[in-house]
Amino acid sequence: MMKEDKQNRQTNESKNDVTDQGMDRLTFLKRSTQLAGAVIGLSLADTLHPLKALAESGSSARQTNWNKPDLVFPVISDIHIQTSNDQNLKKFAETMDQLNRAAPRQDAFMMVGDLTDDGAIKEYDDLLAVYNAKKQADAVSLCAIGNHDYWNGLSVADAQNLFLEKTGMKSIYFHKVIKGYHFIVLGTEDGTTEGTFTVTQIAWLSEKLKLAHEDDSKKPIFVFHHQPIIGTIYGSEWGFTVNRDLFYDTLKPYPQVISFSGHTHYPLDDPRIIHQKDFTTIGTSTGAYLWLDAGRIQGEVPEGADVLNQALIVEVHNNKVLIKRRDIHNNDWTGEPFEISFPANKRNFKYTDARKDKQAPFFNRDAMLSVVDDKTTLTGLTVMLTQAKDNLLVHDYKIVAKNAGTREASKEYLAFSEFYKDPVPNPLMLNLDGLQPNTTYKIEVHALDAYGNESRESLKALGKTLDGVVKDVTITLSKNELLGVQDTIEVTVENARAPQSDWIGLYEVNEKPGELASIWWMYTQVTDGTCKFTYDPRYIGYPDRYKEGSTYKFVYFYGGGYDAVASTTFTIGSKAS
């Protein structure tokens, strides 16, 4: 999913145990600044934590061998097959291959929306060519419609009919019984990002839940819907608001419900991806690109986000449901399987808010922090630190950079531990931007886990920015007049920072970004302050707004919003001229 109105285009241990550094102290220090010939203020955590066991979230995660299950089905979502390239299609093919190896006897196969990026016929055809060639003959195909599947310029009714025609589903919401287990598949009813579930559909859901309960109240009921229910899982802030309470209250009497949702692209590695209160909810991640919490240095869509590819495998046993998390991109499992006991009883739920972990992360006593000399700029420092440890997951680092010479307000940052990477980088490098030139800063780092627990120990160091004059960000085009709407431009952005979900968008010259969706946009990649790319209008999201005789502007934004730092214009002339 796209999280804002530039929405309609998406451009182009095994997670290392931190005791296995792969880098000794001498090597670490050689790669970092030695202020006045030495690293000043280097702080080492002074104690080891008495943990009996550390949770691992990678290739060493144990997947228990249980007895043969009664029912097996994979769940994937947000595949986003595109017409502009075949990267996601290749990832989908690998997903099918891995799931077939990991679950050789599937009873069903579930795709929870956003099968396509734009709801295009070719996107459906490409996806289904792979799916039909690789699906298991006995697996019942189940598909929910997502918001992206409406983004083809068709009416709502025609977009739904295309989805049904291509996928073979009988309706955008439907009910099936597979081997005695009830599957209820819901469908968002238009292309709005947050999703729409009408009173009519929710009333239908109520009837099917009652039917399933009366059939066998001791069995799980599986419910699928693209957008999550706000206030449940990690990332559910991106869920639907209209009829949210009615939807929730309809599920509430049935603790045996397990509700699967996609849309967020939040990774399976975070323990909050599953939640229990009145019933069970779980997120399904993505097969396309990662999205994360706002407010971190790396941005909501960090560098390398398009590598992520994850899936679930659900096993139903006589008295439990196991949900296994698969890192397709790493060809391995991540974390222990989630286990839900049946018959369902709320008193036995273990993934509730009450489970909130109280154990804070910690730094080993040989942990280090320093500043990377060759990456220091006029307004930024790059720090390198040894990753902390936690019994579940180190999610973030809280960083404070305080001007060492004045009482000027401190600059504070949040940064992901990059737990979503395989392997997790250790040491971790982080760019601290927005500092003053020729200034010495005291830098202090604390670790935070997924539940906000903060490490007692911190790492400290000093760093100094370079002296000089700060240059403005500029955009230079290879030409300012195009020959027709198919002409391309070479674009160069200079003096840009290391990206933090920074992006460049195209608008009509008089339009205000944020009030109207961008005609085209992409996340930026910056090397040594420079971003270069070829703008190709074949991939614009709104071709009807891109015309000869009109003037347009490129706007460069810092962050995921509309903090514009540079712009430039061009005009489309006639191809004949």
Protein backbone atom coordinates (compact mmCIF):
# COMPACT_ATOMS: atom_id res chain seq x y z
CA MET A 1 0.00 0.00 0.00
CA MET A 2 0.98 3.64 -0.42
CA LYS A 3 0.49 5.66 2.73
CA GLU A 4 -0.32 9.09 1.22
CA ASP A 5 -1.59 10.84 -1.87
CA LYS A 6 1.50 10.11 -3.91
CA GLN A 7 -0.04 6.67 -3.59
CA ASN A 8 -0.72 5.47 -7.08
CA ARG A 9 2.83 4.47 -8.00
CA GLN A 10 5.38 2.33 -6.20
CA THR A 11 8.68 2.86 -7.97
CA ASN A 12 11.04 1.37 -8.77
CA GLU A 13 20.70 -16.17 16.21
CA SER A 14 20.72 -16.20 12.01
CA LYS A 15 19.96 -12.56 12.45
CA ASN A 16 23.39 -12.10 13.85
CA ASP A 17 23.90 -12.81 17.50
CA VAL A 18 25.68 -9.65 18.52
CA THR A 19 28.39 -11.51 20.36
CA ASP A 20 29.62 -12.75 16.98
CA GLN A 21 30.98 -9.41 15.85
CA GLY A 22 33.02 -10.34 12.82
CA MET A 23 35.09 -7.27 13.82
CA ASP A 24 37.50 -6.82 16.69
CA ARG A 25 37.96 -3.66 18.74
CA LEU A 26 41.02 -2.54 16.78
CA THR A 27 39.23 -2.86 13.44
CA PHE A 28 36.21 -1.03 14.85
CA LEU A 29 38.34 1.89 15.99
CA LYS A 30 40.28 2.04 12.72
CA ARG A 31 36.97 2.65 10.94
CA SER A 32 35.96 5.50 13.22
CA THR A 33 37.03 9.05 14.01
CA GLN A 34 39.71 9.54 16.63
CA LEU A 35 38.98 13.08 17.78
CA ALA A 36 42.30 14.76 18.73
CA GLY A 37 44.02 11.46 18.08
CA ALA A 38 41.70 9.35 20.17
CA VAL A 39 38.02 8.58 20.56
CA ILE A 40 36.94 10.84 23.40
CA GLY A 41 34.28 9.78 25.79
CA LEU A 42 33.94 6.24 24.50
CA SER A 43 31.58 4.44 26.85
CA LEU A 44 31.36 0.72 27.41
CA ALA A 45 28.40 -0.98 29.04
CA ASP A 46 29.66 -2.13 32.40
CA THR A 47 27.62 -5.22 33.07
CA LEU A 48 26.31 -8.35 31.43
CA HIS A 49 22.65 -9.17 31.75
CA PRO A 50 21.73 -12.47 33.40
CA LEU A 51 19.50 -13.73 30.61
CA LYS A 52 18.92 -17.44 30.56
CA ALA A 53 17.98 -17.50 26.89
CA LEU A 54 17.91 -15.05 24.00
CA ALA A 55 15.20 -15.18 21.38
CA GLU A 56 16.54 -15.53 17.86
CA SER A 57 14.70 -14.38 14.77
CA GLY A 58 16.59 -15.94 11.88
CA SER A 59 17.95 -19.16 10.48
CA SER A 60 18.58 -20.65 13.91
CA ALA A 61 14.92 -20.23 14.89
CA ARG A 62 13.60 -23.65 15.84
CA GLN A 63 10.57 -24.92 13.95
CA THR A 64 9.10 -27.69 16.07
CA ASN A 65 8.25 -31.01 14.48
CA TRP A 66 4.64 -31.60 15.41
CA ASN A 67 2.42 -34.48 14.45
CA LYS A 68 0.77 -34.41 11.06
CA PRO A 69 -1.70 -31.49 10.99
CA ASP A 70 -5.37 -31.73 10.06
CA LEU A 71 -5.15 -28.69 7.78
CA VAL A 72 -2.30 -26.71 6.18
CA PHE A 73 -2.45 -23.46 4.22
CA PRO A 74 -0.01 -20.64 3.39
CA VAL A 75 -1.05 -17.00 3.71
CA ILE A 76 0.60 -14.21 1.72
CA SER A 77 -0.38 -10.66 0.80
CA ASP A 78 0.70 -7.46 -0.91
CA ILE A 79 2.41 -9.09 -3.86
CA HIS A 80 2.13 -5.95 -6.01
CA ILE A 81 2.85 -7.41 -9.44
CA GLN A 82 3.84 -4.47 -11.67
CA THR A 83 3.75 -3.75 -15.38
CA SER A 84 6.91 -1.62 -15.23
CA ASN A 85 9.25 -4.42 -14.08
CA ASP A 86 9.25 -8.09 -13.12
CA GLN A 87 11.07 -7.88 -9.77
CA ASN A 88 7.98 -8.66 -7.69
CA LEU A 89 6.93 -11.37 -10.13
CA LYS A 90 10.28 -13.13 -9.64
CA LYS A 91 9.87 -12.81 -5.88
CA PHE A 92 6.39 -14.32 -6.14
CA ALA A 93 7.74 -17.29 -8.11
CA GLU A 94 10.34 -17.89 -5.40
CA THR A 95 7.62 -17.59 -2.75
CA MET A 96 5.59 -20.31 -4.44
CA ASP A 97 8.63 -22.58 -4.72
CA GLN A 98 9.61 -22.16 -1.07
CA LEU A 99 6.08 -22.63 0.23
CA ASN A 100 5.70 -25.79 -1.82
CA ARG A 101 8.88 -27.17 -0.30
CA ALA A 102 8.01 -26.08 3.24
CA ALA A 103 4.38 -27.27 2.98
CA PRO A 104 4.23 -30.04 0.36
CA ARG A 105 0.60 -30.92 1.18
CA GLN A 106 -1.50 -27.77 1.18
CA ASP A 107 -5.25 -27.74 1.59
CA ALA A 108 -5.70 -24.08 0.66
CA PHE A 109 -3.67 -21.09 -0.49
CA MET A 110 -4.66 -17.58 0.66
CA MET A 111 -3.69 -14.21 -0.87
CA VAL A 112 -4.92 -11.31 1.29
CA GLY A 113 -5.17 -8.45 -1.20
CA ASP A 114 -2.99 -6.18 -3.33
CA LEU A 115 -2.22 -8.97 -5.73
CA THR A 116 -1.43 -6.23 -8.26
CA ASP A 117 0.11 -2.78 -8.05
CA ASP A 118 -2.41 -1.06 -10.31
CA GLY A 119 -5.12 -3.63 -11.01
CA ALA A 120 -3.93 -3.94 -14.61
CA ILE A 121 -4.91 -6.90 -16.78
CA LYS A 122 -1.26 -7.71 -17.51
CA GLU A 123 -0.47 -7.68 -13.79
CA TYR A 124 -3.22 -10.22 -13.11
CA ASP A 125 -2.15 -12.33 -16.09
CA ASP A 126 1.51 -12.38 -15.04
CA LEU A 127 0.65 -13.29 -11.44
CA LEU A 128 -1.79 -16.03 -12.40
CA ALA A 129 0.57 -17.54 -14.97
CA VAL A 130 3.07 -18.16 -12.17
CA TYR A 131 0.45 -19.15 -9.62
CA ASN A 132 -1.34 -21.67 -11.84
CA ALA A 133 1.93 -23.24 -12.92
CA LYS A 134 3.14 -23.74 -9.35
CA LYS A 135 0.04 -24.15 -7.15
CA GLN A 136 -0.72 -27.55 -5.67
CA ALA A 137 -3.61 -29.31 -7.35
CA ASP A 138 -5.49 -30.04 -4.11
CA ALA A 139 -5.09 -26.54 -2.62
CA VAL A 140 -8.25 -24.40 -2.70
CA SER A 141 -7.41 -20.93 -4.08
CA LEU A 142 -8.63 -18.03 -1.92
CA CYS A 143 -8.14 -14.35 -2.81
CA ALA A 144 -9.20 -11.13 -1.10
CA ILE A 145 -9.27 -7.84 -2.99
CA GLY A 146 -7.03 -4.97 -1.82
CA ASN A 147 -7.03 -1.24 -2.46
CA HIS A 148 -4.32 -1.43 -5.14
CA ASP A 149 -6.45 -3.88 -7.11
CA TYR A 150 -8.87 -1.00 -7.74
CA TRP A 151 -6.24 1.43 -9.07
CA ASN A 152 -6.77 0.74 -12.77
CA GLY A 153 -8.94 3.72 -13.69
CA LEU A 154 -12.08 1.58 -13.90
CA SER A 155 -15.26 2.13 -11.95
CA VAL A 156 -15.51 0.31 -8.63
CA ALA A 157 -17.90 -2.24 -10.13
CA ASP A 158 -15.69 -2.85 -13.17
CA ALA A 159 -12.55 -3.16 -11.05
CA GLN A 160 -14.32 -5.75 -8.88
CA ASN A 161 -15.55 -7.65 -11.93
CA LEU A 162 -12.02 -7.74 -13.36
CA PHE A 163 -10.71 -9.09 -10.05
CA LEU A 164 -13.39 -11.79 -9.96
CA GLU A 165 -12.89 -12.71 -13.61
CA LYS A 166 -9.13 -13.08 -13.25
CA THR A 167 -8.98 -14.79 -9.85
CA GLY A 168 -12.03 -17.02 -10.26
CA MET A 169 -13.55 -15.88 -6.97
CA LYS A 170 -17.37 -15.82 -6.91
CA SER A 171 -17.70 -12.59 -4.93
CA ILE A 172 -15.47 -10.01 -3.26
CA TYR A 173 -16.57 -11.53 0.05
CA PHE A 174 -17.39 -15.19 0.43
CA HIS A 175 -17.40 -18.20 2.75
CA LYS A 176 -15.92 -21.66 2.25
CA VAL A 177 -15.65 -24.79 4.37
CA ILE A 178 -12.40 -26.71 3.80
CA LYS A 179 -11.95 -30.06 5.53
CA GLY A 180 -14.51 -29.01 8.12
CA TYR A 181 -12.92 -25.61 8.87
CA HIS A 182 -14.62 -22.31 8.07
CA PHE A 183 -12.87 -19.67 5.95
CA ILE A 184 -14.50 -16.22 5.72
CA VAL A 185 -12.91 -13.94 3.12
CA LEU A 186 -13.87 -10.25 3.21
CA GLY A 187 -13.25 -7.59 0.58
CA THR A 188 -12.61 -3.87 0.80
CA GLU A 189 -15.35 -2.27 -1.28
CA ASP A 190 -13.41 0.47 -3.05
CA GLY A 191 -9.88 1.68 -3.69
CA THR A 192 -9.49 4.02 -0.74
CA THR A 193 -6.23 3.38 1.06
CA GLU A 194 -7.70 2.76 4.51
CA GLY A 195 -10.42 0.44 3.17
CA THR A 196 -14.20 0.27 3.24
CA PHE A 197 -16.30 -2.44 4.89
CA THR A 198 -19.98 -1.54 4.78
CA VAL A 199 -22.69 -2.39 7.27
CA THR A 200 -24.11 -4.83 4.72
CA GLN A 201 -20.87 -6.79 4.48
CA ILE A 202 -20.40 -6.79 8.27
CA ALA A 203 -23.97 -8.09 8.72
CA TRP A 204 -23.11 -10.90 6.28
CA LEU A 205 -19.96 -11.59 8.33
CA SER A 206 -22.09 -11.88 11.46
CA GLU A 207 -24.27 -14.52 9.83
CA LYS A 208 -21.29 -16.58 8.70
CA LEU A 209 -19.63 -16.40 12.11
CA LYS A 210 -22.81 -17.65 13.73
CA LEU A 211 -23.01 -20.47 11.19
CA ALA A 212 -19.39 -21.50 11.83
CA HIS A 213 -19.84 -21.35 15.59
CA GLU A 214 -22.95 -23.50 15.48
CA ASP A 215 -21.19 -25.99 13.23
CA ASP A 216 -18.37 -26.57 15.76
CA SER A 217 -17.62 -24.03 18.48
CA LYS A 218 -14.34 -25.76 19.35
CA LYS A 219 -12.71 -25.21 15.97
CA PRO A 220 -10.93 -22.06 14.79
CA ILE A 221 -12.70 -19.73 12.36
CA PHE A 222 -10.35 -18.13 9.83
CA VAL A 223 -11.20 -14.59 8.72
CA PHE A 224 -9.27 -12.65 6.05
CA HIS A 225 -9.43 -8.95 5.12
CA HIS A 226 -6.85 -6.70 3.47
CA GLN A 227 -6.79 -3.73 5.86
CA PRO A 228 -6.19 -4.40 9.57
CA ILE A 229 -8.44 -3.50 12.50
CA ILE A 230 -7.10 -0.36 14.18
CA GLY A 231 -5.88 -0.97 17.73
CA THR A 232 -4.77 -4.55 17.27
CA ILE A 233 -1.51 -5.62 15.59
CA TYR A 234 1.78 -3.85 14.86
CA GLY A 235 1.00 -1.42 12.04
CA SER A 236 -2.77 -1.44 12.55
CA GLU A 237 -2.78 2.36 12.63
CA TRP A 238 -3.07 1.97 8.84
CA GLY A 239 -6.42 0.20 9.23
CA PHE A 240 -9.95 1.33 8.49
CA THR A 241 -11.89 3.82 10.62
CA VAL A 242 -15.41 3.69 9.15
CA ASN A 243 -17.39 0.91 10.88
CA ARG A 244 -14.25 -0.15 12.75
CA ASP A 245 -16.09 -0.69 16.06
CA LEU A 246 -18.98 -2.53 14.41
CA PHE A 247 -16.50 -4.80 12.62
CA TYR A 248 -14.58 -5.48 15.84
CA ASP A 249 -17.72 -6.04 17.92
CA THR A 250 -19.00 -8.51 15.34
CA LEU A 251 -15.89 -10.65 15.85
CA LYS A 252 -15.72 -10.08 19.63
CA PRO A 253 -18.09 -12.91 20.75
CA TYR A 254 -15.94 -15.48 18.96
CA PRO A 255 -12.56 -16.07 20.66
CA GLN A 256 -11.93 -18.87 18.15
CA VAL A 257 -11.56 -16.32 15.33
CA ILE A 258 -8.10 -15.88 13.82
CA SER A 259 -8.12 -12.75 11.67
CA PHE A 260 -5.42 -12.29 9.01
CA SER A 261 -4.76 -8.88 7.42
CA GLY A 262 -2.22 -7.42 5.02
CA HIS A 263 -1.86 -3.83 3.75
CA THR A 264 0.74 -2.52 6.20
CA HIS A 265 3.86 -4.26 4.81
CA TYR A 266 5.13 -4.38 8.41
CA PRO A 267 7.55 -7.28 8.96
CA LEU A 268 6.75 -10.54 10.73
CA ASP A 269 9.86 -10.27 12.91
CA ASP A 270 8.28 -7.89 15.41
CA PRO A 271 6.50 -9.77 18.26
CA ARG A 272 3.57 -7.34 18.06
CA ILE A 273 2.61 -8.69 14.62
CA ILE A 274 0.21 -10.99 16.52
CA HIS A 275 -2.34 -9.71 19.05
CA GLN A 276 -5.02 -11.28 21.21
CA LYS A 277 -7.77 -9.68 23.24
CA ASP A 278 -11.23 -10.91 22.34
CA PHE A 279 -9.92 -12.93 19.38
CA THR A 280 -6.62 -13.32 17.52
CA THR A 281 -5.31 -10.92 14.87
CA ILE A 282 -2.12 -11.34 12.85
CA GLY A 283 -0.42 -9.37 10.08
CA THR A 284 0.74 -11.03 6.88
CA SER A 285 3.69 -8.77 5.88
CA THR A 286 4.41 -8.46 2.14
CA GLY A 287 5.98 -10.02 -0.91
CA ALA A 288 6.96 -6.66 -2.39
CA TYR A 289 8.51 -3.96 -0.19
CA LEU A 290 8.87 -3.15 3.49
CA TRP A 291 7.05 -0.35 5.30
CA LEU A 292 7.76 0.64 8.91
CA ASP A 293 6.91 3.06 11.71
CA ALA A 294 7.42 6.76 11.03
CA GLY A 295 9.95 8.95 12.81
CA ARG A 296 13.13 6.91 12.38
CA ILE A 297 16.37 8.00 10.72
CA GLN A 298 16.03 5.35 8.02
CA GLY A 299 12.51 6.47 7.08
CA GLU A 300 9.30 4.47 6.70
CA VAL A 301 10.62 2.76 3.58
CA PRO A 302 14.31 2.26 4.39
CA GLU A 303 17.08 1.54 1.93
CA GLY A 304 16.80 -2.02 0.65
CA ALA A 305 13.10 -2.22 1.53
CA ASP A 306 12.31 -3.98 -1.74
CA VAL A 307 14.29 -7.03 -0.64
CA LEU A 308 11.73 -8.07 1.99
CA ASN A 309 9.56 -11.06 1.10
CA GLN A 310 7.70 -12.95 3.85
CA ALA A 311 4.88 -15.47 4.21
CA LEU A 312 2.96 -17.47 6.79
CA ILE A 313 2.26 -21.19 6.92
CA VAL A 314 -0.70 -22.17 9.09
CA GLU A 315 -0.96 -25.67 10.53
CA VAL A 316 -4.17 -26.76 12.28
CA HIS A 317 -3.80 -29.57 14.78
CA ASN A 318 -6.36 -31.23 17.01
CA ASN A 319 -5.86 -28.83 19.91
CA LYS A 320 -3.74 -26.01 18.54
CA VAL A 321 -3.02 -23.80 15.56
CA LEU A 322 0.62 -23.13 14.67
CA ILE A 323 1.49 -20.11 12.56
CA LYS A 324 5.01 -20.27 11.13
CA ARG A 325 6.78 -17.17 9.85
CA ARG A 326 8.85 -17.55 6.70
CA ASP A 327 11.59 -15.21 5.46
CA ILE A 328 11.38 -15.98 1.74
CA HIS A 329 14.17 -13.50 1.05
CA ASN A 330 16.43 -15.42 3.41
CA ASN A 331 15.13 -18.92 2.61
CA ASP A 332 14.58 -19.57 6.30
CA TRP A 333 12.17 -19.24 9.21
CA THR A 334 12.04 -16.19 11.45
CA GLY A 335 11.17 -16.59 15.13
CA GLU A 336 9.32 -19.38 16.87
CA PRO A 337 5.90 -20.41 15.54
CA PHE A 338 2.95 -18.64 17.17
CA GLU A 339 0.84 -21.22 18.99
CA ILE A 340 -2.88 -20.77 19.69
CA SER A 341 -4.61 -23.36 21.85
CA PHE A 342 -8.07 -24.75 21.12
CA PRO A 343 -10.84 -24.84 22.19
CA ALA A 344 -10.27 -21.08 22.40
CA ASN A 345 -10.46 -19.44 25.81
CA LYS A 346 -9.58 -15.79 26.33
CA ARG A 347 -8.03 -16.62 29.71
CA ASN A 348 -5.46 -18.74 27.88
CA PHE A 349 -4.50 -16.05 25.35
CA LYS A 350 -0.77 -15.34 25.59
CA TYR A 351 -0.27 -12.66 22.91
CA THR A 352 -2.23 -10.02 24.80
CA ASP A 353 -1.29 -6.50 25.91
CA ALA A 354 -0.55 -8.02 29.31
CA ARG A 355 2.35 -9.98 27.81
CA LYS A 356 4.20 -6.68 27.48
CA ASP A 357 7.82 -7.53 27.97
CA LYS A 358 9.43 -5.86 31.02
CA GLN A 359 13.01 -6.85 30.26
CA ALA A 360 15.08 -4.01 28.84
CA PRO A 361 17.75 -4.48 26.18
CA PHE A 362 21.39 -4.18 27.17
CA PHE A 363 24.86 -3.61 25.74
CA ASN A 364 27.62 -6.11 26.34
CA ARG A 365 30.56 -4.70 28.28
CA ASP A 366 32.71 -4.63 25.11
CA ALA A 367 30.11 -2.64 23.14
CA MET A 368 31.47 0.44 21.37
CA LEU A 369 30.32 3.69 19.80
CA SER A 370 32.35 5.98 17.58
CA VAL A 371 32.10 8.46 14.72
CA VAL A 372 33.07 7.45 11.17
CA ASP A 373 35.70 9.91 10.00
CA ASP A 374 35.27 9.78 6.23
CA LYS A 375 31.49 10.22 6.43
CA THR A 376 31.50 13.42 8.48
CA THR A 377 29.93 16.41 6.68
CA LEU A 378 29.15 20.05 7.40
CA THR A 379 25.80 19.17 8.95
CA GLY A 380 26.07 15.50 9.78
CA LEU A 381 27.91 12.78 11.65
CA THR A 382 27.81 9.06 10.99
CA VAL A 383 28.03 6.92 14.10
CA MET A 384 28.96 3.26 14.29
CA LEU A 385 27.79 1.18 17.23
CA THR A 386 27.77 -2.37 18.49
CA GLN A 387 24.23 -3.73 18.49
CA ALA A 388 22.56 -4.24 21.85
CA LYS A 389 20.85 -7.48 22.91
CA ASP A 390 17.33 -8.25 24.05
CA ASN A 391 15.35 -11.31 25.05
CA LEU A 392 12.92 -10.60 22.17
CA LEU A 393 13.96 -7.86 19.75
CA VAL A 394 16.03 -4.67 19.80
CA HIS A 395 13.76 -2.42 17.75
CA ASP A 396 15.26 1.08 18.00
CA TYR A 397 18.05 3.26 19.27
CA LYS A 398 17.41 6.61 20.93
CA ILE A 399 20.23 9.00 20.09
CA VAL A 400 20.91 12.42 21.62
CA ALA A 401 23.46 14.79 20.09
CA LYS A 402 24.20 17.67 22.47
CA ASN A 403 26.28 20.69 21.52
CA ALA A 404 29.36 20.31 23.75
CA GLY A 405 30.13 24.03 23.82
CA THR A 406 26.77 25.71 24.43
CA ARG A 407 23.40 25.21 26.09
CA GLU A 408 21.75 24.89 22.70
CA ALA A 409 18.87 22.39 22.66
CA SER A 410 19.92 18.84 22.00
CA LYS A 411 19.13 17.13 18.71
CA GLU A 412 17.27 13.85 19.28
CA TYR A 413 16.87 10.93 16.89
CA LEU A 414 15.20 7.54 16.70
CA ALA A 415 16.76 4.88 14.52
CA PHE A 416 15.78 1.33 13.68
CA SER A 417 18.18 -1.40 14.75
CA GLU A 418 17.54 -2.66 11.20
CA PHE A 419 16.12 -5.84 12.71
CA TYR A 420 14.32 -6.36 9.41
CA LYS A 421 17.56 -7.15 7.56
CA ASP A 422 19.13 -10.58 7.15
CA PRO A 423 21.65 -10.60 8.63
CA VAL A 424 21.12 -7.73 11.03
CA PRO A 425 24.12 -5.38 10.50
CA ASN A 426 26.57 -5.40 13.36
CA PRO A 427 28.11 -2.91 13.88
CA LEU A 428 25.32 -0.59 12.79
CA MET A 429 25.98 2.71 11.01
CA LEU A 430 23.56 5.63 11.41
CA ASN A 431 23.58 9.09 9.81
CA LEU A 432 22.82 12.01 12.14
CA ASP A 433 21.78 14.98 9.99
CA GLY A 434 20.63 18.53 10.76
CA LEU A 435 23.64 19.51 12.89
CA GLN A 436 25.57 22.80 12.87
CA PRO A 437 28.90 23.15 10.99
CA ASN A 438 32.17 23.21 12.89
CA THR A 439 30.53 22.04 16.11
CA THR A 440 31.51 19.38 18.62
CA TYR A 441 28.68 17.13 19.83
CA LYS A 442 28.35 14.77 22.76
CA ILE A 443 26.51 11.72 21.44
CA GLU A 444 24.67 9.26 23.69
CA VAL A 445 22.82 6.12 22.56
CA HIS A 446 20.25 3.99 24.40
CA ALA A 447 18.63 0.81 23.03
CA LEU A 448 14.86 0.26 22.95
CA ASP A 449 12.96 -2.99 22.47
CA ALA A 450 9.64 -3.49 20.65
CA TYR A 451 7.71 -2.58 23.82
CA GLY A 452 9.64 0.63 24.52
CA ASN A 453 11.84 -0.71 27.33
CA GLU A 454 15.06 1.33 27.43
CA SER A 455 18.53 0.04 28.19
CA ARG A 456 19.99 1.14 31.52
CA GLU A 457 23.44 1.41 29.96
CA SER A 458 24.29 3.85 27.19
CA LEU A 459 27.13 4.31 24.73
CA LYS A 460 28.80 7.71 24.45
CA ALA A 461 31.25 9.46 22.12
CA LEU A 462 32.25 12.90 20.83
CA GLY A 463 32.16 14.01 17.21
CA LYS A 464 32.79 17.25 15.35
CA THR A 465 31.19 18.42 12.11
CA LEU A 466 33.23 19.97 9.31
CA ASP A 467 33.77 23.69 8.91
CA GLY A 468 32.38 25.48 5.85
CA VAL A 469 29.28 26.89 4.16
CA VAL A 470 26.16 24.73 3.81
CA LYS A 471 24.99 24.43 0.20
CA ASP A 472 21.36 24.27 -0.83
CA VAL A 473 19.90 21.20 -2.49
CA THR A 474 19.65 21.75 -6.27
CA ILE A 475 17.96 19.92 -9.16
CA THR A 476 19.52 20.11 -12.63
CA LEU A 477 17.87 18.78 -15.80
CA SER A 478 19.58 17.73 -19.02
CA LYS A 479 17.02 19.87 -20.86
CA ASN A 480 14.17 22.17 -19.93
CA GLU A 481 11.96 21.54 -22.94
CA LEU A 482 10.87 18.04 -23.93
CA LEU A 483 9.96 16.88 -27.42
CA GLY A 484 6.56 15.36 -26.72
CA VAL A 485 5.14 13.37 -23.82
CA GLN A 486 7.40 10.35 -24.41
CA ASP A 487 10.69 12.24 -24.14
CA THR A 488 13.01 11.43 -21.22
CA ILE A 489 15.21 13.67 -19.03
CA GLU A 490 18.44 13.10 -17.12
CA VAL A 491 17.96 14.46 -13.60
CA THR A 492 20.75 15.33 -11.15
CA VAL A 493 20.12 16.31 -7.53
CA GLU A 494 23.12 17.68 -5.63
CA ASN A 495 23.89 18.45 -1.98
CA ALA A 496 21.23 15.97 -0.80
CA ARG A 497 21.42 14.19 2.53
CA ALA A 498 21.47 10.43 3.03
CA PRO A 499 17.83 9.47 2.31
CA GLN A 500 15.30 9.06 5.12
CA SER A 501 12.30 8.13 2.97
CA ASP A 502 13.22 11.17 0.85
CA TRP A 503 11.47 11.29 -2.51
CA ILE A 504 11.05 13.32 -5.67
CA GLY A 505 7.66 13.99 -7.22
CA LEU A 506 6.29 15.52 -10.43
CA TYR A 507 3.45 18.07 -10.39
CA GLU A 508 1.82 20.64 -12.64
CA VAL A 509 3.73 23.88 -12.11
CA ASN A 510 0.90 25.61 -10.24
CA GLU A 511 -0.20 22.67 -8.10
CA LYS A 512 0.61 22.53 -4.39
CA PRO A 513 2.06 19.16 -3.32
CA GLY A 514 -0.21 17.42 -0.85
CA GLU A 515 -3.39 18.91 -2.25
CA LEU A 516 -3.22 16.76 -5.39
CA ALA A 517 -1.48 13.44 -5.96
CA SER A 518 1.87 13.57 -7.72
CA ILE A 519 1.78 12.63 -11.40
CA TRP A 520 4.89 10.49 -10.84
CA TRP A 521 7.23 9.90 -7.92
CA MET A 522 10.10 7.76 -6.66
CA TYR A 523 12.22 7.28 -3.56
CA THR A 524 15.74 8.62 -3.98
CA GLN A 525 19.12 6.96 -3.78
CA VAL A 526 21.99 9.27 -2.89
CA THR A 527 25.74 8.72 -3.21
CA ASP A 528 28.12 11.35 -1.81
CA GLY A 529 25.33 13.91 -1.78
CA THR A 530 24.25 13.26 -5.38
CA CYS A 531 21.17 11.55 -6.79
CA LYS A 532 21.09 10.80 -10.54
CA PHE A 533 18.35 9.11 -12.55
CA THR A 534 16.57 9.07 -15.90
CA TYR A 535 12.98 10.28 -15.77
CA ASP A 536 10.87 8.14 -18.10
CA PRO A 537 7.23 9.26 -18.54
CA ARG A 538 6.12 5.75 -19.50
CA TYR A 539 5.69 5.05 -15.79
CA ILE A 540 3.65 8.08 -14.73
CA GLY A 541 0.56 7.44 -12.64
CA TYR A 542 -1.72 10.04 -14.27
CA PRO A 543 -1.05 10.19 -18.03
CA ASP A 544 -4.19 12.29 -18.57
CA ARG A 545 -2.51 15.13 -16.62
CA TYR A 546 0.69 15.02 -18.69
CA LYS A 547 0.22 17.00 -21.91
CA GLU A 548 2.07 18.88 -24.63
CA GLY A 549 2.20 22.63 -24.09
CA SER A 550 2.12 22.33 -20.29
CA THR A 551 4.78 23.13 -17.69
CA TYR A 552 5.68 20.78 -14.82
CA LYS A 553 7.94 20.82 -11.78
CA PHE A 554 10.10 18.25 -10.05
CA VAL A 555 10.00 18.72 -6.26
CA TYR A 556 12.51 17.08 -3.90
CA PHE A 557 11.14 16.23 -0.44
CA TYR A 558 12.87 15.28 2.79
CA GLY A 559 11.04 12.55 4.69
CA GLY A 560 7.79 10.80 3.85
CA GLY A 561 5.73 14.00 3.85
CA TYR A 562 5.92 17.30 1.99
CA ASP A 563 9.04 19.01 3.35
CA ALA A 564 10.16 20.46 -0.01
CA VAL A 565 13.85 21.40 -0.21
CA ALA A 566 14.31 21.96 -3.97
CA SER A 567 12.36 22.23 -7.22
CA THR A 568 12.83 22.94 -10.92
CA THR A 569 10.57 23.15 -13.97
CA PHE A 570 10.36 21.93 -17.57
CA THR A 571 7.90 22.31 -20.44
CA ILE A 572 6.60 19.70 -22.86
CA GLY A 573 6.79 20.95 -26.41
CA SER A 574 5.41 19.35 -29.52
CA LYS A 575 7.25 16.31 -30.79
CA ALA A 576 7.00 17.74 -34.31
CA SER A 577 8.85 20.91 -33.26
